[in-house]
Amino acid sequence: MPIPIRIASLSKGTLEFDEPLLAETFIDRLGEELKPVEDEFRVGGVATVLGNVIEVRGQIKGTLNFTCSRCGEPLRMPIDTSFEHRFVAQGELRGGVSSDSQLDGTHDIDLSEYDGVEVDVAPVALDSMIVNLPVAPSCPQSREGPCEQWSAEQLTAGSVSAVDANDSPLAAALRKIKL
C-alpha cells in the first residue's frame, strides 16, 4: 500500500502527512515471530522541498505481538521508529542507482530517485522499522532478572538434542569464507 506524496502538493515548501499503512502489506516481511496487533500502522511526518531535493522526516507507529526469546511468554512490542530520507529527480544520482542494483558504498543509502510526479514514503518507513527490530525480542530488563517469569532452568520446547559445534549453520557459513 503506497503512501504517495505528490510533488505538486509541495508548492508551499512543506506538507504534513499522517496515513494508515495496512499490516497485510508488510506482514510477510516480519517473519514468523512477529505479528501486528492492529490491522494498520500509522506513518506520519513532514515532506519538505529543498531546491530539487525532497526531504521526508517521519515516524511509523504500531504494535507487534511476539514471544519472549528468553522466557517464552507472549508480549507486545510498541513500534515508534523515526526515519529520514531524501529523494532527487530521476537522473540526478551519480551513475544512476536503480532499485534492483547493488549499493557499492558510493551512494547514500538514505537517498533515492523519484519520477518527478510523486514519492512513495511507505517503503522507506517499512525498511526503517524492519532494520530497527530486535533479532531476538525479549522482555524488558528488570532489577530481578531479565524476565518476570525468569528461572535458572533451561527453556525447552519440542525435542531437544545436542548440536555439534562443527555441524552448526554458523560453522558451515564460516567454512565457506575464503581468506
N, C-alpha and C. Protein backbone atom coordinates (compact mmCIF):
# COMPACT_ATOMS: atom_id res chain seq x y z
N MET A 1 0.85 -1.17 0.00
CA MET A 1 0.00 0.00 0.00
C MET A 1 0.90 1.23 0.00
N PRO A 2 0.94 1.95 -1.08
CA PRO A 2 1.80 3.13 -1.14
C PRO A 2 1.27 4.28 -0.30
N ILE A 3 2.18 5.13 0.12
CA ILE A 3 1.83 6.39 0.77
C ILE A 3 2.47 7.47 -0.11
N PRO A 4 1.73 7.89 -1.16
CA PRO A 4 2.31 8.84 -2.10
C PRO A 4 2.24 10.28 -1.61
N ILE A 5 3.27 11.03 -1.93
CA ILE A 5 3.28 12.47 -1.72
C ILE A 5 3.50 13.08 -3.10
N ARG A 6 2.50 13.78 -3.59
CA ARG A 6 2.58 14.39 -4.92
C ARG A 6 3.43 15.66 -4.84
N ILE A 7 4.34 15.79 -5.78
CA ILE A 7 5.26 16.92 -5.80
C ILE A 7 4.49 18.24 -5.91
N ALA A 8 3.41 18.26 -6.67
CA ALA A 8 2.60 19.47 -6.83
C ALA A 8 2.05 19.96 -5.49
N SER A 9 1.80 19.04 -4.54
CA SER A 9 1.26 19.43 -3.24
C SER A 9 2.31 20.08 -2.34
N LEU A 10 3.57 20.06 -2.77
CA LEU A 10 4.66 20.66 -2.01
C LEU A 10 4.99 22.07 -2.49
N SER A 11 4.10 22.70 -3.22
CA SER A 11 4.37 24.02 -3.80
C SER A 11 4.66 25.08 -2.73
N LYS A 12 4.11 24.93 -1.54
CA LYS A 12 4.36 25.90 -0.47
C LYS A 12 5.58 25.54 0.36
N GLY A 13 6.29 24.49 -0.01
CA GLY A 13 7.53 24.14 0.68
C GLY A 13 7.44 22.94 1.58
N THR A 14 6.37 22.81 2.38
CA THR A 14 6.25 21.66 3.28
C THR A 14 4.84 21.10 3.24
N LEU A 15 4.76 19.83 3.62
CA LEU A 15 3.47 19.14 3.68
C LEU A 15 3.53 18.14 4.83
N GLU A 16 2.59 18.24 5.75
CA GLU A 16 2.48 17.25 6.82
C GLU A 16 1.59 16.12 6.35
N PHE A 17 1.92 14.90 6.78
CA PHE A 17 1.10 13.74 6.40
C PHE A 17 0.94 12.81 7.59
N ASP A 18 -0.16 12.09 7.62
CA ASP A 18 -0.45 11.07 8.62
C ASP A 18 -1.37 10.07 7.93
N GLU A 19 -0.82 8.93 7.55
CA GLU A 19 -1.55 7.98 6.72
C GLU A 19 -1.51 6.58 7.33
N PRO A 20 -2.55 5.77 7.06
CA PRO A 20 -2.52 4.37 7.51
C PRO A 20 -1.64 3.53 6.59
N LEU A 21 -1.06 2.49 7.15
CA LEU A 21 -0.30 1.50 6.39
C LEU A 21 -0.83 0.14 6.81
N LEU A 22 -1.55 -0.52 5.90
CA LEU A 22 -2.18 -1.80 6.24
C LEU A 22 -1.13 -2.86 6.56
N ALA A 23 -1.34 -3.56 7.67
CA ALA A 23 -0.40 -4.59 8.12
C ALA A 23 -0.28 -5.72 7.10
N GLU A 24 -1.34 -6.00 6.37
CA GLU A 24 -1.30 -7.08 5.38
C GLU A 24 -0.28 -6.82 4.27
N THR A 25 0.10 -5.55 4.08
CA THR A 25 1.07 -5.24 3.03
C THR A 25 2.51 -5.53 3.43
N PHE A 26 2.77 -5.74 4.73
CA PHE A 26 4.14 -6.00 5.16
C PHE A 26 4.31 -7.18 6.10
N ILE A 27 3.23 -7.88 6.43
CA ILE A 27 3.30 -8.97 7.40
C ILE A 27 4.28 -10.06 6.96
N ASP A 28 4.40 -10.29 5.65
CA ASP A 28 5.31 -11.33 5.16
C ASP A 28 6.78 -10.95 5.35
N ARG A 29 7.08 -9.70 5.61
CA ARG A 29 8.45 -9.26 5.84
C ARG A 29 8.87 -9.38 7.30
N LEU A 30 7.94 -9.68 8.20
CA LEU A 30 8.23 -9.72 9.63
C LEU A 30 8.73 -11.07 10.11
N GLY A 31 8.52 -12.13 9.38
CA GLY A 31 8.90 -13.45 9.86
C GLY A 31 7.80 -14.04 10.72
N GLU A 32 8.04 -15.23 11.23
CA GLU A 32 7.02 -15.95 11.99
C GLU A 32 6.88 -15.45 13.42
N GLU A 33 7.91 -14.83 13.98
CA GLU A 33 7.90 -14.48 15.40
C GLU A 33 7.12 -13.20 15.71
N LEU A 34 6.97 -12.32 14.74
CA LEU A 34 6.33 -11.03 14.98
C LEU A 34 5.02 -10.93 14.21
N LYS A 35 3.96 -10.51 14.91
CA LYS A 35 2.64 -10.37 14.30
C LYS A 35 2.05 -9.01 14.68
N PRO A 36 1.54 -8.25 13.71
CA PRO A 36 0.90 -6.97 14.04
C PRO A 36 -0.33 -7.17 14.91
N VAL A 37 -0.52 -6.29 15.89
CA VAL A 37 -1.69 -6.33 16.76
C VAL A 37 -2.88 -5.71 16.04
N GLU A 38 -2.66 -4.55 15.43
CA GLU A 38 -3.73 -3.85 14.72
C GLU A 38 -3.68 -4.19 13.24
N ASP A 39 -4.77 -3.85 12.53
CA ASP A 39 -4.83 -4.06 11.08
C ASP A 39 -4.00 -3.03 10.32
N GLU A 40 -3.67 -1.92 10.98
CA GLU A 40 -2.88 -0.90 10.32
C GLU A 40 -1.92 -0.24 11.28
N PHE A 41 -0.80 0.23 10.74
CA PHE A 41 0.15 1.06 11.46
C PHE A 41 -0.08 2.49 10.95
N ARG A 42 0.49 3.48 11.61
CA ARG A 42 0.38 4.87 11.18
C ARG A 42 1.76 5.37 10.75
N VAL A 43 1.78 6.09 9.64
CA VAL A 43 3.00 6.71 9.15
C VAL A 43 2.72 8.20 9.04
N GLY A 44 3.48 8.99 9.78
CA GLY A 44 3.27 10.43 9.77
C GLY A 44 4.59 11.16 9.69
N GLY A 45 4.53 12.42 9.27
CA GLY A 45 5.74 13.21 9.20
C GLY A 45 5.57 14.46 8.38
N VAL A 46 6.71 14.97 7.89
CA VAL A 46 6.73 16.20 7.12
C VAL A 46 7.61 15.99 5.89
N ALA A 47 7.11 16.43 4.74
CA ALA A 47 7.88 16.43 3.50
C ALA A 47 8.20 17.89 3.17
N THR A 48 9.45 18.15 2.79
CA THR A 48 9.90 19.50 2.51
C THR A 48 10.65 19.52 1.19
N VAL A 49 10.42 20.56 0.39
CA VAL A 49 11.16 20.75 -0.85
C VAL A 49 12.35 21.65 -0.55
N LEU A 50 13.54 21.19 -0.91
CA LEU A 50 14.77 21.97 -0.75
C LEU A 50 15.45 22.00 -2.12
N GLY A 51 15.10 22.96 -2.95
CA GLY A 51 15.63 23.01 -4.32
C GLY A 51 15.03 21.87 -5.12
N ASN A 52 15.90 20.97 -5.63
CA ASN A 52 15.39 19.82 -6.38
C ASN A 52 15.38 18.55 -5.52
N VAL A 53 15.53 18.73 -4.21
CA VAL A 53 15.54 17.60 -3.27
C VAL A 53 14.27 17.64 -2.43
N ILE A 54 13.66 16.48 -2.25
CA ILE A 54 12.50 16.36 -1.36
C ILE A 54 12.98 15.60 -0.13
N GLU A 55 12.89 16.25 1.00
CA GLU A 55 13.31 15.62 2.26
C GLU A 55 12.07 15.18 3.02
N VAL A 56 12.07 13.94 3.47
CA VAL A 56 10.95 13.39 4.23
C VAL A 56 11.47 12.95 5.59
N ARG A 57 10.84 13.45 6.64
CA ARG A 57 11.15 13.03 8.02
C ARG A 57 9.84 12.56 8.63
N GLY A 58 9.88 11.38 9.23
CA GLY A 58 8.63 10.87 9.77
C GLY A 58 8.82 9.76 10.78
N GLN A 59 7.70 9.14 11.15
CA GLN A 59 7.68 8.03 12.10
C GLN A 59 6.64 7.02 11.67
N ILE A 60 6.94 5.76 11.96
CA ILE A 60 5.98 4.69 11.78
C ILE A 60 5.64 4.16 13.17
N LYS A 61 4.34 4.03 13.45
CA LYS A 61 3.89 3.61 14.78
C LYS A 61 2.91 2.47 14.67
N GLY A 62 3.00 1.55 15.62
CA GLY A 62 2.09 0.42 15.70
C GLY A 62 2.50 -0.47 16.86
N THR A 63 1.96 -1.68 16.90
CA THR A 63 2.27 -2.62 17.95
C THR A 63 2.38 -4.02 17.36
N LEU A 64 3.40 -4.77 17.81
CA LEU A 64 3.61 -6.14 17.36
C LEU A 64 3.49 -7.10 18.53
N ASN A 65 2.89 -8.27 18.30
CA ASN A 65 2.92 -9.37 19.25
C ASN A 65 4.19 -10.17 19.00
N PHE A 66 4.80 -10.68 20.06
CA PHE A 66 5.97 -11.53 19.93
C PHE A 66 6.06 -12.46 21.13
N THR A 67 6.88 -13.47 21.02
CA THR A 67 7.15 -14.38 22.13
C THR A 67 8.55 -14.08 22.63
N CYS A 68 8.68 -13.85 23.93
CA CYS A 68 9.99 -13.53 24.50
C CYS A 68 10.97 -14.65 24.18
N SER A 69 12.13 -14.28 23.70
CA SER A 69 13.14 -15.27 23.32
C SER A 69 13.81 -15.90 24.54
N ARG A 70 13.58 -15.35 25.75
CA ARG A 70 14.20 -15.93 26.95
C ARG A 70 13.22 -16.74 27.77
N CYS A 71 12.00 -16.20 28.00
CA CYS A 71 11.08 -16.90 28.90
C CYS A 71 9.91 -17.56 28.17
N GLY A 72 9.71 -17.25 26.90
CA GLY A 72 8.65 -17.88 26.13
C GLY A 72 7.27 -17.29 26.32
N GLU A 73 7.17 -16.20 27.08
CA GLU A 73 5.87 -15.56 27.32
C GLU A 73 5.47 -14.68 26.14
N PRO A 74 4.17 -14.68 25.79
CA PRO A 74 3.70 -13.77 24.73
C PRO A 74 3.65 -12.34 25.26
N LEU A 75 4.14 -11.40 24.45
CA LEU A 75 4.19 -9.99 24.85
C LEU A 75 3.86 -9.09 23.66
N ARG A 76 3.75 -7.80 23.94
CA ARG A 76 3.53 -6.79 22.90
C ARG A 76 4.71 -5.84 22.87
N MET A 77 5.08 -5.43 21.67
CA MET A 77 6.19 -4.51 21.47
C MET A 77 5.66 -3.26 20.76
N PRO A 78 5.71 -2.10 21.44
CA PRO A 78 5.30 -0.88 20.75
C PRO A 78 6.36 -0.49 19.71
N ILE A 79 5.91 -0.06 18.55
CA ILE A 79 6.81 0.38 17.49
C ILE A 79 6.63 1.89 17.34
N ASP A 80 7.72 2.61 17.41
CA ASP A 80 7.73 4.06 17.22
C ASP A 80 9.09 4.40 16.62
N THR A 81 9.23 4.14 15.32
CA THR A 81 10.51 4.26 14.64
C THR A 81 10.53 5.49 13.74
N SER A 82 11.54 6.32 13.93
CA SER A 82 11.66 7.51 13.07
C SER A 82 12.49 7.17 11.84
N PHE A 83 12.28 7.94 10.78
CA PHE A 83 13.04 7.76 9.55
C PHE A 83 13.25 9.11 8.89
N GLU A 84 14.27 9.16 8.06
CA GLU A 84 14.59 10.36 7.30
C GLU A 84 15.10 9.90 5.94
N HIS A 85 14.62 10.52 4.88
CA HIS A 85 15.00 10.11 3.53
C HIS A 85 14.95 11.32 2.60
N ARG A 86 15.81 11.31 1.61
CA ARG A 86 15.82 12.37 0.61
C ARG A 86 15.61 11.76 -0.77
N PHE A 87 14.81 12.43 -1.57
CA PHE A 87 14.53 12.00 -2.94
C PHE A 87 15.05 13.07 -3.89
N VAL A 88 15.69 12.65 -4.96
CA VAL A 88 16.12 13.57 -6.01
C VAL A 88 15.46 13.15 -7.31
N ALA A 89 15.37 14.10 -8.25
CA ALA A 89 14.74 13.81 -9.54
C ALA A 89 15.50 12.72 -10.28
N GLN A 90 14.77 11.98 -11.09
CA GLN A 90 15.35 10.89 -11.85
C GLN A 90 16.53 11.39 -12.68
N GLY A 91 17.65 10.65 -12.61
CA GLY A 91 18.86 11.01 -13.34
C GLY A 91 19.82 11.89 -12.54
N GLU A 92 19.43 12.31 -11.34
CA GLU A 92 20.26 13.19 -10.52
C GLU A 92 21.36 12.45 -9.74
N LEU A 93 21.17 11.16 -9.49
CA LEU A 93 22.19 10.41 -8.76
C LEU A 93 23.37 10.13 -9.68
N ARG A 94 24.57 10.19 -9.11
CA ARG A 94 25.77 9.86 -9.89
C ARG A 94 25.68 8.42 -10.35
N GLY A 95 25.78 8.18 -11.63
CA GLY A 95 25.76 6.82 -12.16
C GLY A 95 24.40 6.19 -12.19
N GLY A 96 23.40 6.82 -11.58
CA GLY A 96 22.05 6.28 -11.58
C GLY A 96 21.94 4.95 -10.88
N VAL A 97 21.39 4.91 -9.70
CA VAL A 97 21.20 3.68 -8.95
C VAL A 97 19.76 3.26 -9.10
N SER A 98 19.53 2.09 -9.68
CA SER A 98 18.16 1.59 -9.79
C SER A 98 17.84 0.80 -8.54
N SER A 99 16.56 0.55 -8.33
CA SER A 99 16.13 -0.13 -7.10
C SER A 99 16.65 -1.55 -7.01
N ASP A 100 17.02 -2.16 -8.15
CA ASP A 100 17.49 -3.54 -8.09
C ASP A 100 19.01 -3.65 -8.18
N SER A 101 19.71 -2.53 -8.14
CA SER A 101 21.17 -2.60 -8.22
C SER A 101 21.79 -2.75 -6.84
N GLN A 102 23.04 -3.16 -6.83
CA GLN A 102 23.77 -3.33 -5.58
C GLN A 102 24.34 -1.98 -5.15
N LEU A 103 24.30 -1.69 -3.86
CA LEU A 103 24.95 -0.49 -3.37
C LEU A 103 26.44 -0.78 -3.30
N ASP A 104 27.23 0.09 -3.87
CA ASP A 104 28.67 -0.16 -3.90
C ASP A 104 29.41 0.72 -2.91
N GLY A 105 28.72 1.36 -2.01
CA GLY A 105 29.36 2.18 -1.00
C GLY A 105 29.54 3.63 -1.42
N THR A 106 29.28 3.96 -2.68
CA THR A 106 29.44 5.34 -3.14
C THR A 106 28.14 6.11 -3.09
N HIS A 107 27.03 5.46 -2.80
CA HIS A 107 25.73 6.13 -2.78
C HIS A 107 25.21 6.20 -1.35
N ASP A 108 24.53 7.29 -1.04
CA ASP A 108 23.91 7.48 0.25
C ASP A 108 22.67 6.59 0.32
N ILE A 109 22.62 5.71 1.32
CA ILE A 109 21.51 4.77 1.42
C ILE A 109 20.19 5.48 1.73
N ASP A 110 20.25 6.71 2.24
CA ASP A 110 19.05 7.49 2.54
C ASP A 110 18.69 8.43 1.40
N LEU A 111 19.10 8.11 0.20
CA LEU A 111 18.86 8.94 -0.96
C LEU A 111 18.41 8.07 -2.12
N SER A 112 17.33 8.46 -2.77
CA SER A 112 16.87 7.73 -3.94
C SER A 112 16.22 8.69 -4.93
N GLU A 113 15.91 8.18 -6.10
CA GLU A 113 15.32 9.00 -7.15
C GLU A 113 13.80 8.88 -7.13
N TYR A 114 13.14 9.92 -7.65
CA TYR A 114 11.69 9.86 -7.83
C TYR A 114 11.38 10.23 -9.27
N ASP A 115 10.16 9.95 -9.69
CA ASP A 115 9.78 10.10 -11.09
C ASP A 115 9.40 11.51 -11.52
N GLY A 116 9.47 12.48 -10.61
CA GLY A 116 9.12 13.84 -10.94
C GLY A 116 7.67 14.18 -10.63
N VAL A 117 6.85 13.17 -10.32
CA VAL A 117 5.43 13.38 -10.04
C VAL A 117 5.12 13.17 -8.57
N GLU A 118 5.65 12.08 -7.99
CA GLU A 118 5.37 11.78 -6.59
C GLU A 118 6.47 10.91 -5.99
N VAL A 119 6.52 10.89 -4.66
CA VAL A 119 7.43 9.99 -3.93
C VAL A 119 6.56 9.08 -3.08
N ASP A 120 7.03 7.87 -2.85
CA ASP A 120 6.30 6.91 -2.02
C ASP A 120 7.05 6.73 -0.71
N VAL A 121 6.42 7.12 0.39
CA VAL A 121 7.04 7.08 1.71
C VAL A 121 6.96 5.69 2.35
N ALA A 122 6.00 4.86 1.95
CA ALA A 122 5.77 3.56 2.60
C ALA A 122 7.02 2.67 2.62
N PRO A 123 7.72 2.44 1.50
CA PRO A 123 8.89 1.56 1.56
C PRO A 123 9.99 2.08 2.48
N VAL A 124 10.16 3.39 2.53
CA VAL A 124 11.18 3.99 3.39
C VAL A 124 10.84 3.76 4.86
N ALA A 125 9.57 3.99 5.23
CA ALA A 125 9.13 3.80 6.60
C ALA A 125 9.25 2.33 7.02
N LEU A 126 8.81 1.42 6.15
CA LEU A 126 8.88 -0.01 6.46
C LEU A 126 10.31 -0.50 6.61
N ASP A 127 11.18 -0.09 5.68
CA ASP A 127 12.58 -0.51 5.77
C ASP A 127 13.21 -0.03 7.07
N SER A 128 12.91 1.19 7.46
CA SER A 128 13.46 1.72 8.70
C SER A 128 12.95 0.93 9.91
N MET A 129 11.66 0.61 9.92
CA MET A 129 11.10 -0.16 11.02
C MET A 129 11.74 -1.55 11.10
N ILE A 130 11.82 -2.23 9.97
CA ILE A 130 12.34 -3.60 9.96
C ILE A 130 13.80 -3.65 10.36
N VAL A 131 14.59 -2.70 9.90
CA VAL A 131 16.01 -2.67 10.25
C VAL A 131 16.19 -2.46 11.75
N ASN A 132 15.27 -1.75 12.38
CA ASN A 132 15.39 -1.45 13.81
C ASN A 132 14.73 -2.48 14.73
N LEU A 133 14.12 -3.52 14.18
CA LEU A 133 13.52 -4.56 15.02
C LEU A 133 14.61 -5.40 15.67
N PRO A 134 14.40 -5.85 16.90
CA PRO A 134 15.40 -6.71 17.54
C PRO A 134 15.45 -8.08 16.89
N VAL A 135 16.64 -8.67 16.85
CA VAL A 135 16.82 -10.00 16.27
C VAL A 135 16.12 -11.05 17.12
N ALA A 136 16.25 -10.94 18.44
CA ALA A 136 15.63 -11.87 19.37
C ALA A 136 14.86 -11.05 20.41
N PRO A 137 13.61 -10.67 20.12
CA PRO A 137 12.87 -9.83 21.06
C PRO A 137 12.68 -10.53 22.40
N SER A 138 12.78 -9.73 23.47
CA SER A 138 12.65 -10.31 24.80
C SER A 138 11.98 -9.31 25.73
N CYS A 139 11.65 -9.78 26.94
CA CYS A 139 11.06 -8.93 27.96
C CYS A 139 12.02 -7.78 28.28
N PRO A 140 11.48 -6.64 28.71
CA PRO A 140 12.37 -5.55 29.13
C PRO A 140 13.20 -5.98 30.34
N GLN A 141 14.39 -5.46 30.47
CA GLN A 141 15.26 -5.77 31.61
C GLN A 141 14.62 -5.24 32.90
N SER A 142 14.74 -6.00 33.98
CA SER A 142 14.27 -5.53 35.29
C SER A 142 15.35 -5.79 36.32
N ARG A 143 15.16 -5.29 37.53
CA ARG A 143 16.18 -5.47 38.57
C ARG A 143 16.26 -6.92 39.04
N GLU A 144 15.17 -7.66 38.97
CA GLU A 144 15.14 -9.02 39.50
C GLU A 144 15.60 -10.06 38.49
N GLY A 145 15.73 -9.70 37.25
CA GLY A 145 16.12 -10.64 36.21
C GLY A 145 15.61 -10.13 34.87
N PRO A 146 16.02 -10.76 33.81
CA PRO A 146 15.62 -10.25 32.51
C PRO A 146 14.13 -10.41 32.22
N CYS A 147 13.46 -11.39 32.80
CA CYS A 147 12.04 -11.61 32.54
C CYS A 147 11.31 -11.81 33.85
N GLU A 148 10.02 -11.45 33.86
CA GLU A 148 9.21 -11.63 35.05
C GLU A 148 9.14 -13.11 35.44
N GLN A 149 9.04 -13.99 34.44
CA GLN A 149 8.93 -15.43 34.68
C GLN A 149 10.29 -16.12 34.62
N TRP A 150 11.36 -15.37 34.83
CA TRP A 150 12.71 -15.89 34.68
C TRP A 150 13.00 -17.00 35.69
N SER A 151 13.67 -18.04 35.21
CA SER A 151 14.15 -19.08 36.11
C SER A 151 15.50 -19.55 35.59
N ALA A 152 16.24 -20.22 36.43
CA ALA A 152 17.56 -20.70 36.04
C ALA A 152 17.46 -21.94 35.16
N GLU A 153 16.25 -22.55 35.07
CA GLU A 153 16.08 -23.74 34.26
C GLU A 153 16.07 -23.39 32.78
N GLN A 154 16.59 -24.31 31.99
CA GLN A 154 16.62 -24.11 30.55
C GLN A 154 15.22 -24.26 29.98
N LEU A 155 14.82 -23.35 29.11
CA LEU A 155 13.52 -23.42 28.45
C LEU A 155 13.65 -24.35 27.26
N THR A 156 12.79 -25.36 27.21
CA THR A 156 12.82 -26.28 26.08
C THR A 156 11.43 -26.42 25.50
N ALA A 157 11.39 -26.60 24.22
CA ALA A 157 10.12 -26.82 23.54
C ALA A 157 10.37 -27.86 22.46
N GLY A 158 9.56 -28.90 22.41
CA GLY A 158 9.77 -29.94 21.39
C GLY A 158 10.93 -30.83 21.76
N SER A 159 11.47 -31.51 20.76
CA SER A 159 12.60 -32.40 21.04
C SER A 159 13.88 -31.59 21.10
N VAL A 160 14.73 -31.97 22.02
CA VAL A 160 15.99 -31.26 22.22
C VAL A 160 17.13 -32.25 22.07
N SER A 161 18.10 -31.90 21.25
CA SER A 161 19.29 -32.72 21.13
C SER A 161 20.49 -31.81 21.02
N ALA A 162 21.62 -32.31 21.47
CA ALA A 162 22.84 -31.50 21.43
C ALA A 162 23.26 -31.27 19.99
N VAL A 163 23.79 -30.09 19.73
CA VAL A 163 24.27 -29.75 18.40
C VAL A 163 25.79 -29.72 18.43
N ASP A 164 26.39 -30.45 17.50
CA ASP A 164 27.84 -30.43 17.37
C ASP A 164 28.23 -29.07 16.79
N ALA A 165 29.14 -28.36 17.45
CA ALA A 165 29.54 -27.03 17.00
C ALA A 165 30.05 -27.04 15.57
N ASN A 166 30.65 -28.14 15.13
CA ASN A 166 31.18 -28.21 13.77
C ASN A 166 30.07 -28.40 12.73
N ASP A 167 28.89 -28.82 13.16
CA ASP A 167 27.77 -29.03 12.24
C ASP A 167 26.76 -27.90 12.26
N SER A 168 27.03 -26.85 13.01
CA SER A 168 26.08 -25.74 13.10
C SER A 168 26.06 -24.92 11.82
N PRO A 169 24.95 -24.23 11.54
CA PRO A 169 24.89 -23.38 10.35
C PRO A 169 25.97 -22.29 10.36
N LEU A 170 26.31 -21.78 11.55
CA LEU A 170 27.35 -20.77 11.65
C LEU A 170 28.70 -21.34 11.22
N ALA A 171 29.01 -22.53 11.71
CA ALA A 171 30.29 -23.15 11.34
C ALA A 171 30.34 -23.42 9.84
N ALA A 172 29.23 -23.86 9.26
CA ALA A 172 29.19 -24.12 7.82
C ALA A 172 29.42 -22.83 7.05
N ALA A 173 28.81 -21.72 7.49
CA ALA A 173 28.99 -20.45 6.82
C ALA A 173 30.42 -19.95 6.94
N LEU A 174 31.00 -20.13 8.12
CA LEU A 174 32.40 -19.69 8.32
C LEU A 174 33.37 -20.50 7.45
N ARG A 175 33.09 -21.79 7.25
CA ARG A 175 33.97 -22.61 6.41
C ARG A 175 33.97 -22.14 4.96
N LYS A 176 32.91 -21.52 4.51
CA LYS A 176 32.81 -21.05 3.13
C LYS A 176 33.58 -19.76 2.87
N ILE A 177 33.96 -19.07 3.93
CA ILE A 177 34.68 -17.80 3.76
C ILE A 177 36.12 -18.11 3.34
N LYS A 178 36.56 -17.42 2.30
CA LYS A 178 37.94 -17.59 1.83
C LYS A 178 38.74 -16.38 2.24
N LEU A 179 39.77 -16.62 2.98
CA LEU A 179 40.62 -15.52 3.46
C LEU A 179 41.83 -15.37 2.61
